[in-house]
């Protein structure tokens, strides 16, 4: 049975400190991505050349989707695993990946998480059990393997597998839900429904309005969270994580979120009729207004959170720029074990 969490989670269930923590995670993520956006475009001119600059190649940013990562990862520890998508920064940050080696990896430097070999779509951090991939739905099967290992070891660690709504039509998605349900693996499946699979709308690719309905086919709970609501995500994830840790098996959560910027940097988004309304749907000012109305935030606290995030992020960017580029002579290092 699918549960629709369209209403905000009751504020009486969340302390002021917890609500500030959720907001802080969202601000850290947005601040990091704004800095990456700045550095990515700084030297792509004249014209836009995707291969030029300090950060060459594609760049997929998650601005607007911060509530999903913040609400889910608030329940996790470094012992839990997270597999994310090609738009991974918000989940990496929310799950505790160190911003310095993360930034260095995005810049392709030797002090990066993958020693500059992977770039932003292939972040890998064993210390927090975080990984991501540019392959659609690739993280779902990998999460099953980690969940199976956690179960066999007798721990209460769980895996969280994240993908976009377009990937819910991929075979790996259905195969993973089937096996996880069959073996009652400690997994939480998360779908970020930002309404667009690259340039294809959800309505043009999927015959049902909610992918959470698909959970019923595998005999597991399915929940859809509307309005990009971080507190409702937190509530839904709390139930799912408790179920997984307690041996109850997997849960599927779909969050109706927002892709604030393009599919990739340089995307003109001519396919998107809602661009004029997008800034008004930004979840960060909306949540900040909620917390101010509740007396949780004021000017001083808000400035303190933003200042701390800026200092941390600019330190990470400076660390990345100071790191050396990999020596071409070492191209085969770390390939074979």
C-alpha atoms as a PDB file:
ATOM      1  CA  UNK A   1       0.000   0.000   0.000  1.00  0.00           C
ATOM      2  CA  UNK A   2       1.332   3.419  -0.934  1.00  0.00           C
ATOM      3  CA  UNK A   3       1.347   6.195   1.630  1.00  0.00           C
ATOM      4  CA  UNK A   4       1.155   9.788   0.398  1.00  0.00           C
ATOM      5  CA  UNK A   5       3.050  12.123   2.711  1.00  0.00           C
ATOM      6  CA  UNK A   6       1.944  15.399   1.182  1.00  0.00           C
ATOM      7  CA  UNK A   7       1.577  17.200   4.513  1.00  0.00           C
ATOM      8  CA  UNK A   8       4.505  18.526   6.481  1.00  0.00           C
ATOM      9  CA  UNK A   9       5.746  16.312   9.304  1.00  0.00           C
ATOM     10  CA  UNK A  10       4.459  17.598  12.611  1.00  0.00           C
ATOM     11  CA  UNK A  11       6.844  20.168  14.024  1.00  0.00           C
ATOM     12  CA  UNK A  12       6.149  18.812  17.507  1.00  0.00           C
ATOM     13  CA  UNK A  13       8.076  15.678  16.533  1.00  0.00           C
ATOM     14  CA  UNK A  14      11.203  17.628  15.614  1.00  0.00           C
ATOM     15  CA  UNK A  15      13.356  19.606  18.014  1.00  0.00           C
ATOM     16  CA  UNK A  16      14.734  22.991  17.080  1.00  0.00           C
ATOM     17  CA  UNK A  17      18.241  21.536  16.984  1.00  0.00           C
ATOM     18  CA  UNK A  18      17.164  18.812  14.579  1.00  0.00           C
ATOM     19  CA  UNK A  19      15.435  21.286  12.296  1.00  0.00           C
ATOM     20  CA  UNK A  20      18.547  23.475  12.300  1.00  0.00           C
ATOM     21  CA  UNK A  21      20.638  20.409  11.454  1.00  0.00           C
ATOM     22  CA  UNK A  22      18.443  19.664   8.439  1.00  0.00           C
ATOM     23  CA  UNK A  23      18.698  23.282   7.304  1.00  0.00           C
ATOM     24  CA  UNK A  24      22.472  23.313   7.855  1.00  0.00           C
ATOM     25  CA  UNK A  25      22.945  20.225   5.683  1.00  0.00           C
ATOM     26  CA  UNK A  26      20.920  21.846   2.913  1.00  0.00           C
ATOM     27  CA  UNK A  27      22.975  25.057   3.153  1.00  0.00           C
ATOM     28  CA  UNK A  28      26.314  23.168   3.114  1.00  0.00           C
ATOM     29  CA  UNK A  29      25.251  21.318  -0.021  1.00  0.00           C
ATOM     30  CA  UNK A  30      23.993  24.413  -1.839  1.00  0.00           C
ATOM     31  CA  UNK A  31      27.077  26.430  -0.865  1.00  0.00           C
ATOM     32  CA  UNK A  32      29.360  23.683  -2.166  1.00  0.00           C
ATOM     33  CA  UNK A  33      27.532  23.440  -5.466  1.00  0.00           C
ATOM     34  CA  UNK A  34      27.434  27.199  -5.961  1.00  0.00           C
ATOM     35  CA  UNK A  35      31.228  27.186  -5.585  1.00  0.00           C
ATOM     36  CA  UNK A  36      31.602  24.288  -8.025  1.00  0.00           C
ATOM     37  CA  UNK A  37      29.291  26.120 -10.453  1.00  0.00           C
ATOM     38  CA  UNK A  38      31.491  29.218 -10.194  1.00  0.00           C
ATOM     39  CA  UNK A  39      34.726  27.309 -10.762  1.00  0.00           C
ATOM     40  CA  UNK A  40      33.269  25.177 -13.538  1.00  0.00           C
ATOM     41  CA  UNK A  41      32.193  28.170 -15.645  1.00  0.00           C
ATOM     42  CA  UNK A  42      35.102  30.461 -14.767  1.00  0.00           C
ATOM     43  CA  UNK A  43      37.255  29.415 -17.725  1.00  0.00           C
ATOM     44  CA  UNK A  44      34.894  27.868 -20.264  1.00  0.00           C
ATOM     45  CA  UNK A  45      34.686  31.102 -22.343  1.00  0.00           C
ATOM     46  CA  UNK A  46      34.765  32.409 -25.032  1.00  0.00           C
ATOM     47  CA  UNK A  47      31.784  30.282 -25.886  1.00  0.00           C
ATOM     48  CA  UNK A  48      31.002  27.213 -23.846  1.00  0.00           C
ATOM     49  CA  UNK A  49      33.620  24.483 -24.285  1.00  0.00           C
ATOM     50  CA  UNK A  50      32.828  21.506 -22.064  1.00  0.00           C
ATOM     51  CA  UNK A  51      36.380  20.202 -22.368  1.00  0.00           C
ATOM     52  CA  UNK A  52      38.100  23.375 -21.150  1.00  0.00           C
ATOM     53  CA  UNK A  53      38.984  24.665 -17.737  1.00  0.00           C
ATOM     54  CA  UNK A  54      39.897  23.558 -14.240  1.00  0.00           C
ATOM     55  CA  UNK A  55      36.901  21.193 -14.198  1.00  0.00           C
ATOM     56  CA  UNK A  56      36.568  19.709 -17.686  1.00  0.00           C
ATOM     57  CA  UNK A  57      33.770  17.363 -18.716  1.00  0.00           C
ATOM     58  CA  UNK A  58      30.123  17.180 -17.763  1.00  0.00           C
ATOM     59  CA  UNK A  59      28.794  18.538 -14.474  1.00  0.00           C
ATOM     60  CA  UNK A  60      25.458  17.513 -12.948  1.00  0.00           C
ATOM     61  CA  UNK A  61      24.435  19.600  -9.952  1.00  0.00           C
ATOM     62  CA  UNK A  62      21.740  18.735  -7.415  1.00  0.00           C
ATOM     63  CA  UNK A  63      20.561  22.219  -6.402  1.00  0.00           C
ATOM     64  CA  UNK A  64      16.902  21.939  -5.411  1.00  0.00           C
ATOM     65  CA  UNK A  65      17.164  18.315  -4.335  1.00  0.00           C
ATOM     66  CA  UNK A  66      18.859  18.987  -0.985  1.00  0.00           C
ATOM     67  CA  UNK A  67      15.771  18.058   1.114  1.00  0.00           C
ATOM     68  CA  UNK A  68      15.972  14.444  -0.040  1.00  0.00           C
ATOM     69  CA  UNK A  69      19.562  13.933   1.074  1.00  0.00           C
ATOM     70  CA  UNK A  70      19.196  15.916   4.287  1.00  0.00           C
ATOM     71  CA  UNK A  71      16.026  14.124   5.381  1.00  0.00           C
ATOM     72  CA  UNK A  72      17.303  10.632   4.602  1.00  0.00           C
ATOM     73  CA  UNK A  73      20.906  10.894   5.798  1.00  0.00           C
ATOM     74  CA  UNK A  74      19.998  12.434   9.145  1.00  0.00           C
ATOM     75  CA  UNK A  75      19.073   8.871  10.178  1.00  0.00           C
ATOM     76  CA  UNK A  76      22.327   7.270   8.997  1.00  0.00           C
ATOM     77  CA  UNK A  77      25.786   6.633  10.418  1.00  0.00           C
ATOM     78  CA  UNK A  78      29.111   6.129   8.673  1.00  0.00           C
ATOM     79  CA  UNK A  79      28.554   2.379   9.044  1.00  0.00           C
ATOM     80  CA  UNK A  80      25.589   2.607   6.667  1.00  0.00           C
ATOM     81  CA  UNK A  81      26.087   2.586   2.903  1.00  0.00           C
ATOM     82  CA  UNK A  82      24.747   5.047   0.353  1.00  0.00           C
ATOM     83  CA  UNK A  83      24.828   4.543  -3.403  1.00  0.00           C
ATOM     84  CA  UNK A  84      23.913   7.656  -5.361  1.00  0.00           C
ATOM     85  CA  UNK A  85      23.492   8.799  -8.940  1.00  0.00           C
ATOM     86  CA  UNK A  86      25.401  10.927 -11.464  1.00  0.00           C
ATOM     87  CA  UNK A  87      23.964  13.911  -9.490  1.00  0.00           C
ATOM     88  CA  UNK A  88      25.581  12.913  -6.193  1.00  0.00           C
ATOM     89  CA  UNK A  89      27.000  15.874  -4.274  1.00  0.00           C
ATOM     90  CA  UNK A  90      24.084  16.484  -1.914  1.00  0.00           C
ATOM     91  CA  UNK A  91      24.017  12.858  -0.764  1.00  0.00           C
ATOM     92  CA  UNK A  92      27.802  12.716  -0.411  1.00  0.00           C
ATOM     93  CA  UNK A  93      27.765  15.836   1.753  1.00  0.00           C
ATOM     94  CA  UNK A  94      24.763  14.739   3.819  1.00  0.00           C
ATOM     95  CA  UNK A  95      26.388  11.335   4.441  1.00  0.00           C
ATOM     96  CA  UNK A  96      29.586  12.894   5.765  1.00  0.00           C
ATOM     97  CA  UNK A  97      32.061  12.698   2.882  1.00  0.00           C
ATOM     98  CA  UNK A  98      34.960  15.083   3.545  1.00  0.00           C
ATOM     99  CA  UNK A  99      34.608  18.136   1.293  1.00  0.00           C
ATOM    100  CA  UNK A 100      38.354  18.521   0.658  1.00  0.00           C
ATOM    101  CA  UNK A 101      39.093  15.193  -1.082  1.00  0.00           C
ATOM    102  CA  UNK A 102      35.650  15.377  -2.684  1.00  0.00           C
ATOM    103  CA  UNK A 103      36.442  18.753  -4.241  1.00  0.00           C
ATOM    104  CA  UNK A 104      39.886  17.535  -5.281  1.00  0.00           C
ATOM    105  CA  UNK A 105      38.314  14.579  -7.061  1.00  0.00           C
ATOM    106  CA  UNK A 106      35.915  16.865  -8.914  1.00  0.00           C
ATOM    107  CA  UNK A 107      38.933  18.917 -10.033  1.00  0.00           C
ATOM    108  CA  UNK A 108      40.721  15.690 -11.058  1.00  0.00           C
ATOM    109  CA  UNK A 109      43.605  16.035  -8.599  1.00  0.00           C
ATOM    110  CA  UNK A 110      45.794  13.471  -6.856  1.00  0.00           C
ATOM    111  CA  UNK A 111      44.423  14.267  -3.390  1.00  0.00           C
ATOM    112  CA  UNK A 112      40.918  13.387  -4.525  1.00  0.00           C
ATOM    113  CA  UNK A 113      38.826  10.486  -3.295  1.00  0.00           C
ATOM    114  CA  UNK A 114      39.839   8.484  -6.381  1.00  0.00           C
ATOM    115  CA  UNK A 115      43.238  10.162  -6.779  1.00  0.00           C
ATOM    116  CA  UNK A 116      41.778  12.207  -9.618  1.00  0.00           C
ATOM    117  CA  UNK A 117      40.739   9.196 -11.682  1.00  0.00           C
ATOM    118  CA  UNK A 118      36.966   9.273 -11.267  1.00  0.00           C
ATOM    119  CA  UNK A 119      35.654  12.809 -11.350  1.00  0.00           C
ATOM    120  CA  UNK A 120      32.354  13.994  -9.973  1.00  0.00           C
ATOM    121  CA  UNK A 121      30.217  11.083 -11.230  1.00  0.00           C
ATOM    122  CA  UNK A 122      32.422   8.422  -9.656  1.00  0.00           C
ATOM    123  CA  UNK A 123      32.966   9.538  -6.072  1.00  0.00           C
ATOM    124  CA  UNK A 124      33.991   6.670  -3.797  1.00  0.00           C
ATOM    125  CA  UNK A 125      34.629   6.956  -0.073  1.00  0.00           C
ATOM    126  CA  UNK A 126      35.123   3.688   1.856  1.00  0.00           C
ATOM    127  CA  UNK A 127      35.241   5.544   5.185  1.00  0.00           C
ATOM    128  CA  UNK A 128      31.571   6.480   4.845  1.00  0.00           C
ATOM    129  CA  UNK A 129      30.489   3.652   2.523  1.00  0.00           C
ATOM    130  CA  UNK A 130      29.553   6.188  -0.150  1.00  0.00           C
ATOM    131  CA  UNK A 131      29.649   5.618  -3.881  1.00  0.00           C
ATOM    132  CA  UNK A 132      27.938   6.870  -7.026  1.00  0.00           C
ATOM    133  CA  UNK A 133      27.862   6.147 -10.729  1.00  0.00           C
ATOM    134  CA  UNK A 134      26.987   7.710 -14.062  1.00  0.00           C
ATOM    135  CA  UNK A 135      25.145   4.540 -15.107  1.00  0.00           C
ATOM    136  CA  UNK A 136      21.361   4.705 -14.676  1.00  0.00           C
ATOM    137  CA  UNK A 137      20.127   2.508 -11.767  1.00  0.00           C
ATOM    138  CA  UNK A 138      23.641   1.084 -11.268  1.00  0.00           C
ATOM    139  CA  UNK A 139      23.645   1.823  -7.539  1.00  0.00           C
ATOM    140  CA  UNK A 140      20.632  -0.368  -6.772  1.00  0.00           C
ATOM    141  CA  UNK A 141      22.305  -3.782  -7.274  1.00  0.00           C
ATOM    142  CA  UNK A 142      25.452  -2.578  -5.516  1.00  0.00           C
ATOM    143  CA  UNK A 143      23.391  -1.553  -2.504  1.00  0.00           C
ATOM    144  CA  UNK A 144      21.948  -5.059  -2.339  1.00  0.00           C
ATOM    145  CA  UNK A 145      25.440  -6.509  -2.113  1.00  0.00           C
ATOM    146  CA  UNK A 146      26.333  -4.232   0.780  1.00  0.00           C
ATOM    147  CA  UNK A 147      23.036  -4.897   2.535  1.00  0.00           C
ATOM    148  CA  UNK A 148      23.585  -8.639   2.144  1.00  0.00           C
ATOM    149  CA  UNK A 149      27.072  -8.307   3.633  1.00  0.00           C
ATOM    150  CA  UNK A 150      25.776  -6.260   6.559  1.00  0.00           C
ATOM    151  CA  UNK A 151      23.107  -8.894   7.205  1.00  0.00           C
ATOM    152  CA  UNK A 152      25.550 -11.802   7.032  1.00  0.00           C
ATOM    153  CA  UNK A 153      27.865 -10.035   9.471  1.00  0.00           C
ATOM    154  CA  UNK A 154      25.038  -9.690  11.952  1.00  0.00           C
ATOM    155  CA  UNK A 155      25.233  -5.885  12.136  1.00  0.00           C
ATOM    156  CA  UNK A 156      22.327  -3.445  12.065  1.00  0.00           C
ATOM    157  CA  UNK A 157      23.900  -1.387   9.261  1.00  0.00           C
ATOM    158  CA  UNK A 158      21.721  -0.691   6.248  1.00  0.00           C
ATOM    159  CA  UNK A 159      22.117   0.429   2.645  1.00  0.00           C
ATOM    160  CA  UNK A 160      20.347   3.352   0.986  1.00  0.00           C
ATOM    161  CA  UNK A 161      20.052   3.181  -2.801  1.00  0.00           C
ATOM    162  CA  UNK A 162      19.227   6.425  -4.611  1.00  0.00           C
ATOM    163  CA  UNK A 163      18.115   6.923  -8.191  1.00  0.00           C
ATOM    164  CA  UNK A 164      16.012   9.245 -10.308  1.00  0.00           C
ATOM    165  CA  UNK A 165      12.442   8.669 -11.471  1.00  0.00           C
ATOM    166  CA  UNK A 166      13.616   7.786 -14.968  1.00  0.00           C
ATOM    167  CA  UNK A 167      15.614   4.856 -13.606  1.00  0.00           C
ATOM    168  CA  UNK A 168      12.440   3.338 -12.155  1.00  0.00           C
ATOM    169  CA  UNK A 169      11.791   2.058 -15.677  1.00  0.00           C
ATOM    170  CA  UNK A 170      15.144   0.263 -15.841  1.00  0.00           C
ATOM    171  CA  UNK A 171      15.501  -3.470 -15.371  1.00  0.00           C
ATOM    172  CA  UNK A 172      18.030  -3.100 -12.543  1.00  0.00           C
ATOM    173  CA  UNK A 173      15.434  -1.198 -10.517  1.00  0.00           C
ATOM    174  CA  UNK A 174      12.850  -3.992 -10.666  1.00  0.00           C
ATOM    175  CA  UNK A 175      15.377  -6.790 -10.261  1.00  0.00           C
ATOM    176  CA  UNK A 176      16.763  -5.097  -7.157  1.00  0.00           C
ATOM    177  CA  UNK A 177      13.362  -4.547  -5.540  1.00  0.00           C
ATOM    178  CA  UNK A 178      12.446  -8.163  -6.255  1.00  0.00           C
ATOM    179  CA  UNK A 179      15.580  -9.662  -4.700  1.00  0.00           C
ATOM    180  CA  UNK A 180      15.626  -7.276  -1.740  1.00  0.00           C
ATOM    181  CA  UNK A 181      12.013  -8.144  -0.945  1.00  0.00           C
ATOM    182  CA  UNK A 182      12.616 -11.862  -1.384  1.00  0.00           C
ATOM    183  CA  UNK A 183      15.611 -11.890   0.956  1.00  0.00           C
ATOM    184  CA  UNK A 184      14.273  -9.127   3.270  1.00  0.00           C
ATOM    185  CA  UNK A 185      17.486  -7.169   2.877  1.00  0.00           C
ATOM    186  CA  UNK A 186      18.104  -4.041   4.985  1.00  0.00           C
ATOM    187  CA  UNK A 187      17.730  -1.534   2.132  1.00  0.00           C
ATOM    188  CA  UNK A 188      15.921   1.757   1.719  1.00  0.00           C
ATOM    189  CA  UNK A 189      15.240   2.537  -1.932  1.00  0.00           C
ATOM    190  CA  UNK A 190      14.948   6.260  -2.690  1.00  0.00           C
ATOM    191  CA  UNK A 191      13.648   7.779  -5.921  1.00  0.00           C
ATOM    192  CA  UNK A 192      14.306  11.466  -6.559  1.00  0.00           C
ATOM    193  CA  UNK A 193      11.473  12.526  -8.833  1.00  0.00           C
ATOM    194  CA  UNK A 194      12.675  15.835 -10.238  1.00  0.00           C
ATOM    195  CA  UNK A 195      10.160  15.467 -13.104  1.00  0.00           C
ATOM    196  CA  UNK A 196      12.767  15.213 -15.871  1.00  0.00           C
ATOM    197  CA  UNK A 197      14.818  12.259 -17.099  1.00  0.00           C
ATOM    198  CA  UNK A 198      17.361  14.457 -18.892  1.00  0.00           C
ATOM    199  CA  UNK A 199      14.859  16.192 -21.228  1.00  0.00           C
ATOM    200  CA  UNK A 200      12.001  13.663 -21.040  1.00  0.00           C
ATOM    201  CA  UNK A 201       9.150  14.445 -18.669  1.00  0.00           C
ATOM    202  CA  UNK A 202       7.903  11.846 -16.217  1.00  0.00           C
ATOM    203  CA  UNK A 203       4.469  11.884 -17.897  1.00  0.00           C
ATOM    204  CA  UNK A 204       6.034  11.026 -21.256  1.00  0.00           C
ATOM    205  CA  UNK A 205       7.960   8.043 -19.912  1.00  0.00           C
ATOM    206  CA  UNK A 206       5.958   6.527 -17.056  1.00  0.00           C
ATOM    207  CA  UNK A 207       2.285   5.438 -17.124  1.00  0.00           C
ATOM    208  CA  UNK A 208       1.599   5.975 -13.404  1.00  0.00           C
ATOM    209  CA  UNK A 209       1.832   9.230 -11.406  1.00  0.00           C
ATOM    210  CA  UNK A 210       3.787   7.694  -8.518  1.00  0.00           C
ATOM    211  CA  UNK A 211       6.583   5.150  -8.717  1.00  0.00           C
ATOM    212  CA  UNK A 212       5.933   4.392  -5.047  1.00  0.00           C
ATOM    213  CA  UNK A 213       2.918   2.400  -6.266  1.00  0.00           C
ATOM    214  CA  UNK A 214       5.336  -0.095  -7.767  1.00  0.00           C
ATOM    215  CA  UNK A 215       6.394  -1.224  -4.295  1.00  0.00           C
ATOM    216  CA  UNK A 216       3.126  -3.183  -3.972  1.00  0.00           C
ATOM    217  CA  UNK A 217       4.213  -5.539  -6.756  1.00  0.00           C
ATOM    218  CA  UNK A 218       7.055  -6.704  -4.505  1.00  0.00           C
ATOM    219  CA  UNK A 219       5.113  -6.783  -1.255  1.00  0.00           C
ATOM    220  CA  UNK A 220       6.984  -3.921   0.395  1.00  0.00           C
ATOM    221  CA  UNK A 221       5.859  -0.512   1.684  1.00  0.00           C
ATOM    222  CA  UNK A 222       5.875   2.395  -0.748  1.00  0.00           C
ATOM    223  CA  UNK A 223       5.719   6.066   0.226  1.00  0.00           C
ATOM    224  CA  UNK A 224       5.590   9.212  -1.885  1.00  0.00           C
ATOM    225  CA  UNK A 225       6.574  12.538  -0.338  1.00  0.00           C
ATOM    226  CA  UNK A 226       5.199  15.644  -2.015  1.00  0.00           C
ATOM    227  CA  UNK A 227       6.293  19.290  -1.986  1.00  0.00           C
ATOM    228  CA  UNK A 228      10.040  18.622  -1.636  1.00  0.00           C
ATOM    229  CA  UNK A 229       9.446  18.756   2.114  1.00  0.00           C
ATOM    230  CA  UNK A 230      12.558  17.951   4.159  1.00  0.00           C
ATOM    231  CA  UNK A 231      10.617  17.228   7.334  1.00  0.00           C
ATOM    232  CA  UNK A 232       8.252  14.852   5.545  1.00  0.00           C
ATOM    233  CA  UNK A 233      11.281  13.141   3.981  1.00  0.00           C
ATOM    234  CA  UNK A 234      12.804  12.843   7.446  1.00  0.00           C
ATOM    235  CA  UNK A 235       9.608  11.235   8.781  1.00  0.00           C
ATOM    236  CA  UNK A 236       9.298   8.763   5.907  1.00  0.00           C
ATOM    237  CA  UNK A 237      12.982   7.854   6.057  1.00  0.00           C
ATOM    238  CA  UNK A 238      12.794   7.334   9.812  1.00  0.00           C
ATOM    239  CA  UNK A 239      10.143   4.656   9.382  1.00  0.00           C
ATOM    240  CA  UNK A 240      12.005   3.012   6.503  1.00  0.00           C
ATOM    241  CA  UNK A 241      15.378   2.998   8.277  1.00  0.00           C
ATOM    242  CA  UNK A 242      13.849   1.570  11.464  1.00  0.00           C
ATOM    243  CA  UNK A 243      12.147  -1.163   9.431  1.00  0.00           C
ATOM    244  CA  UNK A 244      15.414  -2.062   7.689  1.00  0.00           C
ATOM    245  CA  UNK A 245      17.474  -2.073  10.897  1.00  0.00           C
ATOM    246  CA  UNK A 246      14.848  -4.176  12.656  1.00  0.00           C
ATOM    247  CA  UNK A 247      14.903  -6.938  10.053  1.00  0.00           C
ATOM    248  CA  UNK A 248      11.651  -5.926   8.366  1.00  0.00           C
ATOM    249  CA  UNK A 249      13.175  -5.630   4.921  1.00  0.00           C
ATOM    250  CA  UNK A 250      13.167  -2.904   2.285  1.00  0.00           C
ATOM    251  CA  UNK A 251      11.010   0.174   1.730  1.00  0.00           C
ATOM    252  CA  UNK A 252      10.577   2.329  -1.363  1.00  0.00           C
ATOM    253  CA  UNK A 253      10.393   6.109  -0.915  1.00  0.00           C
ATOM    254  CA  UNK A 254       9.755   8.498  -3.796  1.00  0.00           C
ATOM    255  CA  UNK A 255      10.220  12.224  -3.211  1.00  0.00           C
ATOM    256  CA  UNK A 256       8.746  14.816  -5.544  1.00  0.00           C
ATOM    257  CA  UNK A 257      11.730  17.141  -5.656  1.00  0.00           C
ATOM    258  CA  UNK A 258      13.098  19.838  -7.949  1.00  0.00           C
ATOM    259  CA  UNK A 259      15.998  20.171 -10.343  1.00  0.00           C
ATOM    260  CA  UNK A 260      16.729  23.855  -9.924  1.00  0.00           C
ATOM    261  CA  UNK A 261      19.360  24.007 -12.684  1.00  0.00           C
ATOM    262  CA  UNK A 262      19.897  22.090 -15.940  1.00  0.00           C
ATOM    263  CA  UNK A 263      20.407  18.374 -16.396  1.00  0.00           C
ATOM    264  CA  UNK A 264      24.055  19.281 -16.928  1.00  0.00           C
ATOM    265  CA  UNK A 265      25.874  22.607 -16.947  1.00  0.00           C
ATOM    266  CA  UNK A 266      25.398  24.097 -20.394  1.00  0.00           C
ATOM    267  CA  UNK A 267      21.901  22.642 -20.753  1.00  0.00           C
ATOM    268  CA  UNK A 268      19.701  25.378 -22.273  1.00  0.00           C
ATOM    269  CA  UNK A 269      16.568  23.587 -20.993  1.00  0.00           C
ATOM    270  CA  UNK A 270      14.496  24.601 -24.020  1.00  0.00           C
ATOM    271  CA  UNK A 271      12.337  21.508 -23.402  1.00  0.00           C
ATOM    272  CA  UNK A 272      11.195  22.836 -20.029  1.00  0.00           C
ATOM    273  CA  UNK A 273       8.025  24.973 -19.886  1.00  0.00           C
ATOM    274  CA  UNK A 274       8.198  25.584 -16.121  1.00  0.00           C
ATOM    275  CA  UNK A 275      11.438  27.572 -15.939  1.00  0.00           C
ATOM    276  CA  UNK A 276       9.738  30.814 -14.902  1.00  0.00           C
ATOM    277  CA  UNK A 277       8.221  29.106 -11.847  1.00  0.00           C
ATOM    278  CA  UNK A 278      11.323  27.184 -10.790  1.00  0.00           C
ATOM    279  CA  UNK A 279      12.954  29.860  -8.563  1.00  0.00           C
ATOM    280  CA  UNK A 280       9.776  30.165  -6.497  1.00  0.00           C
ATOM    281  CA  UNK A 281       9.969  26.435  -5.739  1.00  0.00           C
ATOM    282  CA  UNK A 282      13.498  26.607  -4.301  1.00  0.00           C
ATOM    283  CA  UNK A 283      13.276  24.552  -1.062  1.00  0.00           C
ATOM    284  CA  UNK A 284      15.920  26.454   0.898  1.00  0.00           C
ATOM    285  CA  UNK A 285      14.223  29.871   1.229  1.00  0.00           C
ATOM    286  CA  UNK A 286      10.901  28.092   1.801  1.00  0.00           C
ATOM    287  CA  UNK A 287      12.312  26.035   4.681  1.00  0.00           C
ATOM    288  CA  UNK A 288      14.177  29.020   6.087  1.00  0.00           C
ATOM    289  CA  UNK A 289      10.893  30.966   6.211  1.00  0.00           C
ATOM    290  CA  UNK A 290       9.260  28.054   8.035  1.00  0.00           C
ATOM    291  CA  UNK A 291      12.031  27.947  10.636  1.00  0.00           C
ATOM    292  CA  UNK A 292      11.963  31.707  11.108  1.00  0.00           C
ATOM    293  CA  UNK A 293       8.205  31.616  11.657  1.00  0.00           C
ATOM    294  CA  UNK A 294       8.751  28.882  14.255  1.00  0.00           C
ATOM    295  CA  UNK A 295      11.440  30.883  16.062  1.00  0.00           C
ATOM    296  CA  UNK A 296      14.130  28.314  15.238  1.00  0.00           C
ATOM    297  CA  UNK A 297      16.141  30.680  13.029  1.00  0.00           C
ATOM    298  CA  UNK A 298      16.892  34.375  13.185  1.00  0.00           C
ATOM    299  CA  UNK A 299      19.313  36.632  11.309  1.00  0.00           C
ATOM    300  CA  UNK A 300      22.241  35.802  13.583  1.00  0.00           C
ATOM    301  CA  UNK A 301      21.795  32.025  13.446  1.00  0.00           C
ATOM    302  CA  UNK A 302      21.185  32.062   9.699  1.00  0.00           C
ATOM    303  CA  UNK A 303      24.320  34.110   9.090  1.00  0.00           C
ATOM    304  CA  UNK A 304      26.352  31.814  11.353  1.00  0.00           C
ATOM    305  CA  UNK A 305      25.245  28.729   9.394  1.00  0.00           C
ATOM    306  CA  UNK A 306      25.979  30.341   6.030  1.00  0.00           C
ATOM    307  CA  UNK A 307      29.327  31.753   7.145  1.00  0.00           C
ATOM    308  CA  UNK A 308      30.509  28.390   8.490  1.00  0.00           C
ATOM    309  CA  UNK A 309      29.461  26.679   5.248  1.00  0.00           C
ATOM    310  CA  UNK A 310      31.253  29.280   3.137  1.00  0.00           C
ATOM    311  CA  UNK A 311      34.487  28.981   5.110  1.00  0.00           C
ATOM    312  CA  UNK A 312      34.420  25.193   4.872  1.00  0.00           C
ATOM    313  CA  UNK A 313      33.609  25.157   1.158  1.00  0.00           C
ATOM    314  CA  UNK A 314      36.166  27.783   0.157  1.00  0.00           C
ATOM    315  CA  UNK A 315      38.763  25.827   2.132  1.00  0.00           C
ATOM    316  CA  UNK A 316      37.864  22.721   0.138  1.00  0.00           C
ATOM    317  CA  UNK A 317      38.108  24.589  -3.169  1.00  0.00           C
ATOM    318  CA  UNK A 318      41.524  25.986  -2.194  1.00  0.00           C
ATOM    319  CA  UNK A 319      42.659  22.475  -1.181  1.00  0.00           C
ATOM    320  CA  UNK A 320      41.569  21.118  -4.573  1.00  0.00           C
ATOM    321  CA  UNK A 321      43.323  23.831  -6.537  1.00  0.00           C
ATOM    322  CA  UNK A 322      46.543  23.337  -4.548  1.00  0.00           C
ATOM    323  CA  UNK A 323      46.559  19.592  -5.227  1.00  0.00           C
ATOM    324  CA  UNK A 324      48.684  18.347  -8.110  1.00  0.00           C
ATOM    325  CA  UNK A 325      47.313  16.905 -11.317  1.00  0.00           C
ATOM    326  CA  UNK A 326      48.014  13.188 -11.801  1.00  0.00           C
ATOM    327  CA  UNK A 327      51.253  12.380 -13.617  1.00  0.00           C
ATOM    328  CA  UNK A 328      50.404  10.737 -16.967  1.00  0.00           C
ATOM    329  CA  UNK A 329      53.147   8.192 -16.234  1.00  0.00           C
ATOM    330  CA  UNK A 330      50.970   6.837 -13.398  1.00  0.00           C
ATOM    331  CA  UNK A 331      47.971   6.126 -15.664  1.00  0.00           C
ATOM    332  CA  UNK A 332      47.994   2.398 -14.819  1.00  0.00           C
ATOM    333  CA  UNK A 333      48.374   2.915 -11.065  1.00  0.00           C
ATOM    334  CA  UNK A 334      45.360   1.821  -8.990  1.00  0.00           C
ATOM    335  CA  UNK A 335      43.853  -0.015 -11.976  1.00  0.00           C
ATOM    336  CA  UNK A 336      45.061  -3.502 -11.049  1.00  0.00           C
ATOM    337  CA  UNK A 337      45.215  -4.960  -7.556  1.00  0.00           C
END
